[in-house]
C-alpha cells in the first residue's frame, strides 16, 4: 500500500496564492458564505515508508491542495473537494478560461499526455460525456452557481509529494483538461481535485495503492497565520487514539457524495432530533463535504437548532447586513462563551466549538454558521475545522478526532 501526503491550504491563509492582504477577514467570510450557498445546487443534480501526501492551503472558504501533472511535472493548485468526482484543470489552448495567475498547463509540452477515445469504457462511464470531431472523449461539469468546465478527458501522469520527501507518480491518471472554464475561481487555482466516490475521482483512481483511506485536518478559516495542513493517503490516513469517534459511511450511486447519518444536534443539555428532508431517508441523510463552507440543513431542522441556540445566548440580536445569516449577535469582545453544539451522528457525537459554529461577519457582529436549505443537508468545512477527519472506504466509516490542526501543518 502506498502512503501519500498533501498540504491543504485554506483559500484565505497567508500561504495561499489567493491571499489578498487588503481584504478584511469579514469580507473573506462573507465571500465564502455566498460561494457556499451558490454551489449547493450541484449536489442535487441528477505500512509503507513512501506514502503519498499533499499540502492543503485555506482558500476563500475552500481548501487548495498541491499536486503536479505531466512529464516533466507541472505544479498546480486545485480545490480539494469531496463533493466532486473528477480531477479537472485549465489547459492550453484556452477557448474561454477564468483568470488564473499561475501558468496554465499545456498538454503539448508533456510526453505522457494522451486523449481518451470516445469508444473507451472510461468515456462511457462518465455521466456527462460526448464526442469531438477528432473522436476524443469530451467531459462537461456544471455547478449550481453556473460555473462550468468542459474539455478533453485524458490520461496523464499525476505526481504527489510523500512522507519521505520524494515524490510519487501515478501514470495514466484520468483528468479533465478544460479549455472552456467559467466560474468564481480566481488566483492560482487551476480547477478541482475530486476526492468523491465517482469512478474517475482521485480517490477511486488511487484505489488499492492507498487502501481506500484518506484524511484531512482543516485549519480554521479565520486564523491569521501561515496555516496549512496535510491531506494524507493510505496508512498515514488512519485516525486513531484517544477521543476518536466513528460513524458509518454510505454511498448512493450514481452520486459521488459521501453520506453520513445525523440523528440529532445537542445544544447545552437539549437534544434536537434531526427530521431530515422530504425523502424520508433516516440513513445517509447528510453529505459531508470539504468543498462547501457552511452547514446546510432543511428549514425545519435549522429553525429547531436556531431556537435552541437562541435560548442559551444572552446577547443582543442584530441583523446580518449581508442578508445571509438569520441568527446574529452583537459582541464587544472575543471572550463570550457560546454554547457547544454537538452533532450526534450515528455512533459518533462530534463536539463543535464556537470557532466552528459562530463566525464574525463584521466588526462586533457574529452569526451562527448554519443556513436553511430547500434541497438537502450538507456538513460543511467550517464545522469540520480542528477535527482530524478520516475516511475508510473499505470499512465504510468516517472517523473524527478533535485536534489543533495548526499543529499538524
Protein backbone atom coordinates (compact mmCIF):
# COMPACT_ATOMS: atom_id res chain seq x y z
CA UNK A 1 0.00 0.00 0.00
CA UNK A 2 1.26 3.46 -0.88
CA UNK A 3 1.03 6.37 1.53
CA UNK A 4 0.85 9.94 0.30
CA UNK A 5 0.59 13.34 1.99
CA UNK A 6 -0.60 16.64 0.50
CA UNK A 7 -0.56 20.02 2.23
CA UNK A 8 -4.03 21.61 2.43
CA UNK A 9 -4.06 25.39 2.20
CA UNK A 10 -7.13 27.45 3.02
CA UNK A 11 -8.03 29.99 0.34
CA UNK A 12 -7.52 32.93 2.74
CA UNK A 13 -4.39 31.74 4.50
CA UNK A 14 -1.26 33.88 4.20
CA UNK A 15 0.28 30.85 2.47
CA UNK A 16 -2.49 30.78 -0.09
CA UNK A 17 -1.78 32.06 -3.60
CA UNK A 18 -5.18 33.78 -3.36
CA UNK A 19 -4.40 35.70 -0.18
CA UNK A 20 -5.48 39.33 -0.51
CA UNK A 21 -3.88 41.46 2.23
CA UNK A 22 -6.21 44.40 1.53
CA UNK A 23 -9.33 42.32 2.14
CA UNK A 24 -10.67 42.18 5.70
CA UNK A 25 -11.35 38.86 7.39
CA UNK A 26 -15.03 39.77 7.42
CA UNK A 27 -15.10 40.22 3.65
CA UNK A 28 -13.44 36.83 3.25
CA UNK A 29 -16.08 35.16 5.42
CA UNK A 30 -18.97 36.75 3.55
CA UNK A 31 -17.47 35.79 0.17
CA UNK A 32 -17.02 32.22 1.36
CA UNK A 33 -20.60 32.06 2.64
CA UNK A 34 -22.02 33.31 -0.64
CA UNK A 35 -19.95 30.84 -2.62
CA UNK A 36 -21.05 28.04 -0.29
CA UNK A 37 -24.74 28.75 -0.87
CA UNK A 38 -24.46 29.20 -4.64
CA UNK A 39 -22.55 25.94 -5.05
CA UNK A 40 -25.04 23.69 -3.28
CA UNK A 41 -27.36 23.02 -6.23
CA UNK A 42 -24.58 20.94 -7.80
CA UNK A 43 -25.09 18.25 -5.17
CA UNK A 44 -28.63 17.50 -6.18
CA UNK A 45 -28.17 17.48 -9.92
CA UNK A 46 -29.36 14.34 -11.28
CA UNK A 47 2.84 0.28 6.10
CA UNK A 48 4.93 1.76 3.71
CA UNK A 49 7.69 4.31 4.13
CA UNK A 50 6.97 6.15 0.90
CA UNK A 51 3.38 7.35 1.39
CA UNK A 52 1.71 9.97 -0.87
CA UNK A 53 0.53 13.23 0.67
CA UNK A 54 -0.36 16.80 -0.27
CA UNK A 55 -0.23 20.24 1.29
CA UNK A 56 -3.68 21.72 1.89
CA UNK A 57 -3.97 25.51 1.98
CA UNK A 58 -7.04 27.50 3.16
CA UNK A 59 -8.54 29.44 0.26
CA UNK A 60 -11.68 31.64 0.14
CA UNK A 61 -13.84 29.25 2.13
CA UNK A 62 -12.30 26.21 0.45
CA UNK A 63 -9.01 24.36 0.71
CA UNK A 64 -6.38 24.02 -2.00
CA UNK A 65 -4.14 21.01 -2.45
CA UNK A 66 -0.85 20.91 -4.32
CA UNK A 67 -0.10 18.34 -7.00
CA UNK A 68 1.63 18.08 -10.38
CA UNK A 69 0.65 16.70 -13.77
CA UNK A 70 2.65 15.84 -16.86
CA UNK A 71 6.16 14.82 -17.82
CA UNK A 72 8.07 16.83 -16.75
CA UNK A 73 5.86 17.55 -13.68
CA UNK A 74 3.91 20.82 -13.81
CA UNK A 75 2.86 22.11 -10.35
CA UNK A 76 -0.77 23.10 -9.75
CA UNK A 77 -3.18 24.20 -7.01
CA UNK A 78 -6.62 22.55 -7.09
CA UNK A 79 -9.62 22.82 -4.78
CA UNK A 80 -9.77 19.66 -2.61
CA UNK A 81 -13.40 18.65 -2.98
CA UNK A 82 -15.03 15.53 -1.55
CA UNK A 83 -18.21 16.58 -3.35
CA UNK A 84 -16.71 16.21 -6.84
CA UNK A 85 -15.78 13.10 -8.79
CA UNK A 86 -13.27 14.32 -11.36
CA UNK A 87 -9.84 15.96 -11.40
CA UNK A 88 -10.05 18.84 -13.86
CA UNK A 89 -7.71 21.71 -14.62
CA UNK A 90 -7.43 24.54 -17.10
CA UNK A 91 -5.46 23.64 -20.22
CA UNK A 92 -3.99 25.42 -23.20
CA UNK A 93 -5.17 26.34 -25.73
CA UNK A 94 -7.99 28.14 -23.88
CA UNK A 95 -11.21 28.92 -25.69
CA UNK A 96 -12.53 30.57 -22.56
CA UNK A 97 -10.73 30.39 -19.22
CA UNK A 98 -11.10 32.12 -15.88
CA UNK A 99 -8.26 34.33 -14.71
CA UNK A 100 -5.53 32.03 -13.40
CA UNK A 101 -2.48 33.95 -12.21
CA UNK A 102 -0.12 30.97 -12.47
CA UNK A 103 0.85 29.39 -15.80
CA UNK A 104 -1.84 27.21 -17.37
CA UNK A 105 -0.93 23.61 -18.18
CA UNK A 106 -0.10 23.00 -21.85
CA UNK A 107 -0.50 19.29 -22.68
CA UNK A 108 1.62 19.66 -25.81
CA UNK A 109 4.65 20.08 -23.52
CA UNK A 110 4.04 16.75 -21.76
CA UNK A 111 5.30 13.44 -23.13
CA UNK A 112 2.81 11.43 -21.04
CA UNK A 113 -0.43 13.20 -22.04
CA UNK A 114 -2.97 11.27 -24.14
CA UNK A 115 -6.62 11.93 -25.03
CA UNK A 116 -9.14 9.20 -24.24
CA UNK A 117 -11.04 7.86 -27.29
CA UNK A 118 -14.83 8.01 -27.47
CA UNK A 119 -15.36 4.26 -27.58
CA UNK A 120 -13.45 3.64 -24.35
CA UNK A 121 -15.17 2.26 -21.25
CA UNK A 122 -13.88 5.24 -19.26
CA UNK A 123 -15.62 7.68 -21.58
CA UNK A 124 -18.87 5.73 -21.45
CA UNK A 125 -18.79 5.54 -17.65
CA UNK A 126 -18.67 9.33 -17.25
CA UNK A 127 -22.03 10.91 -16.53
CA UNK A 128 -21.69 13.91 -18.87
CA UNK A 129 -19.51 12.93 -21.79
CA UNK A 130 -19.69 13.43 -25.54
CA UNK A 131 -17.51 13.05 -28.63
CA UNK A 132 -15.47 15.59 -30.55
CA UNK A 133 -14.80 15.69 -34.28
CA UNK A 134 -11.40 14.12 -33.53
CA UNK A 135 -13.07 11.11 -31.88
CA UNK A 136 -11.75 12.10 -28.45
CA UNK A 137 -13.89 11.96 -25.30
CA UNK A 138 -15.22 15.28 -24.02
CA UNK A 139 -16.26 15.85 -20.40
CA UNK A 140 -18.61 18.54 -19.08
CA UNK A 141 -19.35 19.52 -15.48
CA UNK A 142 -21.64 22.29 -14.27
CA UNK A 143 -22.11 23.72 -10.76
CA UNK A 144 -25.05 25.40 -9.05
CA UNK A 145 -23.58 28.89 -9.42
CA UNK A 146 -23.37 28.35 -13.22
CA UNK A 147 -19.64 27.69 -13.10
CA UNK A 148 -18.63 25.02 -15.58
CA UNK A 149 -15.68 23.21 -17.10
CA UNK A 150 -15.56 21.45 -20.47
CA UNK A 151 -12.74 19.88 -22.40
CA UNK A 152 -10.84 16.70 -23.22
CA UNK A 153 -10.97 13.66 -20.98
CA UNK A 154 -7.38 12.45 -20.91
CA UNK A 155 -4.84 10.27 -19.17
CA UNK A 156 -1.76 11.86 -17.68
CA UNK A 157 0.88 11.25 -15.03
CA UNK A 158 -0.17 12.79 -11.70
CA UNK A 159 2.51 13.38 -9.06
CA UNK A 160 2.14 13.88 -5.30
CA UNK A 161 4.63 14.57 -2.53
CA UNK A 162 5.31 11.82 0.01
CA UNK A 163 6.15 11.24 3.64
CA UNK A 164 9.81 10.53 2.92
CA UNK A 165 10.35 13.70 0.88
CA UNK A 166 10.39 12.01 -2.51
CA UNK A 167 7.53 12.44 -4.94
CA UNK A 168 5.32 9.57 -6.13
CA UNK A 169 3.96 9.43 -9.67
CA UNK A 170 0.72 7.80 -10.76
CA UNK A 171 0.80 7.18 -14.53
CA UNK A 172 -2.34 7.12 -16.69
CA UNK A 173 -4.50 9.03 -14.22
CA UNK A 174 -7.75 10.21 -15.79
CA UNK A 175 -8.06 14.01 -15.78
CA UNK A 176 -10.25 16.62 -17.40
CA UNK A 177 -8.18 19.02 -19.48
CA UNK A 178 -10.52 22.00 -19.67
CA UNK A 179 -10.34 24.67 -22.36
CA UNK A 180 -13.80 26.13 -21.67
CA UNK A 181 -13.96 27.10 -17.99
CA UNK A 182 -16.16 29.74 -16.39
CA UNK A 183 -16.80 30.45 -12.72
CA UNK A 184 -15.88 32.07 -9.44
CA UNK A 185 -12.38 30.57 -9.47
CA UNK A 186 -9.52 33.04 -9.39
CA UNK A 187 -5.87 33.50 -8.45
CA UNK A 188 -3.64 30.45 -8.74
CA UNK A 189 -6.45 27.90 -8.68
CA UNK A 190 -6.26 25.62 -11.69
CA UNK A 191 -9.54 23.77 -11.06
CA UNK A 192 -10.94 20.97 -8.89
CA UNK A 193 -9.39 17.83 -7.42
CA UNK A 194 -12.35 15.49 -6.98
CA UNK A 195 -12.00 13.35 -3.85
CA UNK A 196 -15.53 11.93 -4.06
CA UNK A 197 -16.68 8.40 -4.77
CA UNK A 198 -17.15 8.61 -8.54
CA UNK A 199 -15.35 6.32 -10.97
CA UNK A 200 -12.73 8.90 -12.02
CA UNK A 201 -12.21 10.71 -8.70
CA UNK A 202 -8.63 10.84 -7.45
CA UNK A 203 -9.51 8.57 -4.50
CA UNK A 204 -11.09 5.97 -6.76
CA UNK A 205 -8.15 6.03 -9.17
CA UNK A 206 -5.53 5.68 -6.43
CA UNK A 207 -7.58 2.67 -5.34
CA UNK A 208 -5.64 -0.20 -3.80
CA UNK A 209 -2.43 1.83 -3.58
CA UNK A 210 -3.97 3.79 -0.68
CA UNK A 211 -6.22 1.02 0.65
CA UNK A 212 -9.29 3.23 0.32
CA UNK A 213 -8.08 5.56 3.08
CA UNK A 214 -7.57 9.35 3.20
CA UNK A 215 -7.76 12.00 5.88
CA UNK A 216 -7.51 15.76 6.32
CA UNK A 217 -7.33 18.30 9.13
CA UNK A 218 -8.74 21.72 8.22
CA UNK A 219 -7.08 24.72 9.86
CA UNK A 220 -9.56 27.38 10.99
CA UNK A 221 -10.87 29.79 8.38
CA UNK A 222 -10.01 32.93 10.34
CA UNK A 223 -6.62 32.03 11.82
CA UNK A 224 -4.30 34.87 10.87
CA UNK A 225 -1.29 32.68 10.30
CA UNK A 226 0.58 30.78 7.63
CA UNK A 227 -1.69 27.89 8.48
CA UNK A 228 -1.83 24.79 6.36
CA UNK A 229 -2.44 21.15 6.99
CA UNK A 230 -1.85 17.88 5.23
CA UNK A 231 -4.01 15.57 3.18
CA UNK A 232 -2.91 12.03 3.98
CA UNK A 233 -3.50 8.87 1.98
CA UNK A 234 -3.06 5.21 2.83
CA UNK A 235 -1.60 4.06 6.14
CA UNK A 236 -0.77 7.63 7.16
CA UNK A 237 -4.51 8.46 6.99
CA UNK A 238 -5.59 6.13 9.82
CA UNK A 239 -7.27 8.17 12.58
CA UNK A 240 -6.69 6.56 15.96
CA UNK A 241 -6.03 7.32 19.61
CA UNK A 242 -7.91 8.99 22.41
CA UNK A 243 -11.10 10.84 21.54
CA UNK A 244 -11.76 9.17 18.17
CA UNK A 245 -15.38 8.52 17.24
CA UNK A 246 -16.59 6.81 14.06
CA UNK A 247 -19.83 6.74 12.08
CA UNK A 248 -20.97 4.63 9.10
CA UNK A 249 -20.23 5.99 5.63
CA UNK A 250 -22.87 5.45 2.96
CA UNK A 251 -22.81 5.85 -0.81
CA UNK A 252 -25.85 6.43 -3.01
CA UNK A 253 -24.98 5.52 -6.56
CA UNK A 254 -24.61 7.10 -9.04
CA UNK A 255 -23.98 10.09 -6.76
CA UNK A 256 -20.28 10.63 -5.91
CA UNK A 257 -21.02 12.09 -2.47
CA UNK A 258 -20.22 10.71 0.98
CA UNK A 259 -23.30 10.39 3.17
CA UNK A 260 -23.48 10.18 6.96
CA UNK A 261 -26.45 9.60 9.24
CA UNK A 262 -27.22 12.57 11.51
CA UNK A 263 -29.57 11.65 14.34
CA UNK A 264 -29.72 14.91 16.29
CA UNK A 265 -28.00 18.07 17.48
CA UNK A 266 -27.39 18.69 21.16
CA UNK A 267 -27.19 22.30 22.39
CA UNK A 268 -26.29 22.52 26.05
CA UNK A 269 -28.42 19.77 27.62
CA UNK A 270 -31.13 19.91 24.96
CA UNK A 271 -31.25 17.26 22.24
CA UNK A 272 -32.93 18.28 18.99
CA UNK A 273 -33.89 15.29 16.85
CA UNK A 274 -32.96 15.64 13.19
CA UNK A 275 -36.03 15.42 10.94
CA UNK A 276 -34.26 15.50 7.59
CA UNK A 277 -35.65 16.31 4.16
CA UNK A 278 -38.80 15.15 2.40
CA UNK A 279 -37.19 11.97 1.04
CA UNK A 280 -37.68 10.38 4.44
CA UNK A 281 -34.24 8.71 4.42
CA UNK A 282 -33.15 8.12 8.02
CA UNK A 283 -29.88 6.55 6.88
CA UNK A 284 -27.42 8.67 4.91
CA UNK A 285 -29.35 11.90 5.41
CA UNK A 286 -26.45 14.40 5.22
CA UNK A 287 -23.47 14.87 2.90
CA UNK A 288 -20.04 15.52 4.40
CA UNK A 289 -18.22 17.91 2.10
CA UNK A 290 -14.82 19.62 2.15
CA UNK A 291 -15.79 22.00 -0.66
CA UNK A 292 -18.81 23.71 0.97
CA UNK A 293 -18.14 26.25 3.72
CA UNK A 294 -21.41 26.40 5.65
CA UNK A 295 -23.56 23.63 7.08
CA UNK A 296 -26.92 23.49 5.31
CA UNK A 297 -30.00 21.98 6.95
CA UNK A 298 -33.64 21.51 5.97
CA UNK A 299 -35.71 24.51 7.09
CA UNK A 300 -37.45 22.74 9.98
CA UNK A 301 -34.17 21.40 11.38
CA UNK A 302 -32.49 24.77 11.02
CA UNK A 303 -35.36 26.50 12.84
CA UNK A 304 -35.24 23.99 15.69
CA UNK A 305 -31.47 24.39 16.05
CA UNK A 306 -31.62 28.18 15.90
CA UNK A 307 -34.30 28.29 18.61
CA UNK A 308 -32.26 26.06 20.93
CA UNK A 309 -29.15 28.22 20.46
CA UNK A 310 -31.07 31.47 20.96
CA UNK A 311 -32.43 30.22 24.29
CA UNK A 312 -28.87 29.91 25.67
CA UNK A 313 -27.23 33.04 24.26
CA UNK A 314 -27.72 36.18 26.33
CA UNK A 315 -26.61 38.79 23.81
CA UNK A 316 -28.30 41.47 21.75
CA UNK A 317 -29.57 40.10 18.44
CA UNK A 318 -28.78 42.12 15.33
CA UNK A 319 -29.46 41.85 11.61
CA UNK A 320 -26.91 40.48 9.17
CA UNK A 321 -26.15 43.40 6.78
CA UNK A 322 -25.40 40.82 4.06
CA UNK A 323 -28.77 39.03 4.43
CA UNK A 324 -27.12 35.59 4.58
CA UNK A 325 -27.49 34.56 8.23
CA UNK A 326 -30.61 34.83 10.38
CA UNK A 327 -29.13 34.44 13.88
CA UNK A 328 -26.57 37.16 14.60
CA UNK A 329 -25.38 38.83 17.77
CA UNK A 330 -23.59 41.99 18.80
CA UNK A 331 -20.37 41.20 20.67
CA UNK A 332 -17.93 43.53 22.36
CA UNK A 333 -15.09 41.03 22.74
CA UNK A 334 -13.99 37.55 21.69
CA UNK A 335 -14.46 36.27 25.22
CA UNK A 336 -18.16 35.33 25.04
CA UNK A 337 -18.67 31.65 25.76
CA UNK A 338 -21.09 30.42 23.10
CA UNK A 339 -22.73 27.04 23.74
CA UNK A 340 -21.14 23.92 22.29
CA UNK A 341 -23.22 22.34 19.54
CA UNK A 342 -22.79 18.58 19.31
CA UNK A 343 -23.56 16.83 16.03
CA UNK A 344 -24.97 13.45 17.04
CA UNK A 345 -24.06 11.20 14.13
CA UNK A 346 -24.92 7.51 14.30
CA UNK A 347 -22.41 6.13 16.80
CA UNK A 348 -20.39 9.35 16.94
CA UNK A 349 -21.02 12.51 18.96
CA UNK A 350 -18.88 15.28 17.44
CA UNK A 351 -18.49 18.44 19.54
CA UNK A 352 -18.42 21.65 17.51
CA UNK A 353 -16.89 24.54 19.43
CA UNK A 354 -17.73 28.17 18.71
CA UNK A 355 -14.83 28.60 16.25
CA UNK A 356 -16.69 26.14 14.01
CA UNK A 357 -20.25 27.32 14.61
CA UNK A 358 -20.17 31.12 15.06
CA UNK A 359 -18.40 33.32 12.53
CA UNK A 360 -17.62 37.07 12.63
CA UNK A 361 -19.18 38.70 9.56
CA UNK A 362 -18.49 42.33 10.56
CA UNK A 363 -16.72 44.12 13.37
CA UNK A 364 -18.70 43.41 16.54
CA UNK A 365 -21.12 41.01 14.81
CA UNK A 366 -21.06 37.20 14.87
CA UNK A 367 -23.57 34.81 13.29
CA UNK A 368 -24.50 31.17 13.56
CA UNK A 369 -22.74 29.50 10.61
CA UNK A 370 -25.67 27.27 9.62
CA UNK A 371 -28.26 28.15 6.97
CA UNK A 372 -31.60 26.66 5.89
CA UNK A 373 -31.71 24.72 2.64
CA UNK A 374 -34.55 23.58 0.39
CA UNK A 375 -32.57 20.87 -1.36
CA UNK A 376 -30.81 18.74 1.24
CA UNK A 377 -28.27 18.68 4.06
CA UNK A 378 -24.52 19.29 3.95
CA UNK A 379 -21.98 19.14 6.78
CA UNK A 380 -19.60 21.84 5.56
CA UNK A 381 -15.92 22.53 6.11
CA UNK A 382 -16.46 25.28 8.69
CA UNK A 383 -17.95 22.72 11.07
CA UNK A 384 -15.04 20.35 10.33
CA UNK A 385 -12.33 22.78 11.48
CA UNK A 386 -9.90 21.45 14.09
CA UNK A 387 -11.07 17.89 13.50
CA UNK A 388 -8.90 15.16 12.03
CA UNK A 389 -11.37 13.57 9.61
CA UNK A 390 -10.52 10.13 8.26
CA UNK A 391 -12.33 8.20 5.53
CA UNK A 392 -12.03 4.43 5.24
CA UNK A 393 -13.88 3.36 2.11
CA UNK A 394 -13.17 -0.33 2.74
CA UNK A 395 -14.59 -0.41 6.26
CA UNK A 396 -17.16 2.24 5.21
CA UNK A 397 -16.63 4.57 8.16
CA UNK A 398 -15.70 8.20 8.75
CA UNK A 399 -13.74 8.95 11.94
CA UNK A 400 -13.37 12.24 13.81
CA UNK A 401 -10.71 13.23 16.30
CA UNK A 402 -10.63 16.69 17.95
CA UNK A 403 -7.21 18.25 17.40
CA UNK A 404 -5.49 21.60 16.79
CA UNK A 405 -4.95 21.35 13.03
CA UNK A 406 -2.45 24.23 13.00
CA UNK A 407 -0.04 22.00 14.95
CA UNK A 408 -0.10 19.37 12.23
CA UNK A 409 0.98 21.63 9.34
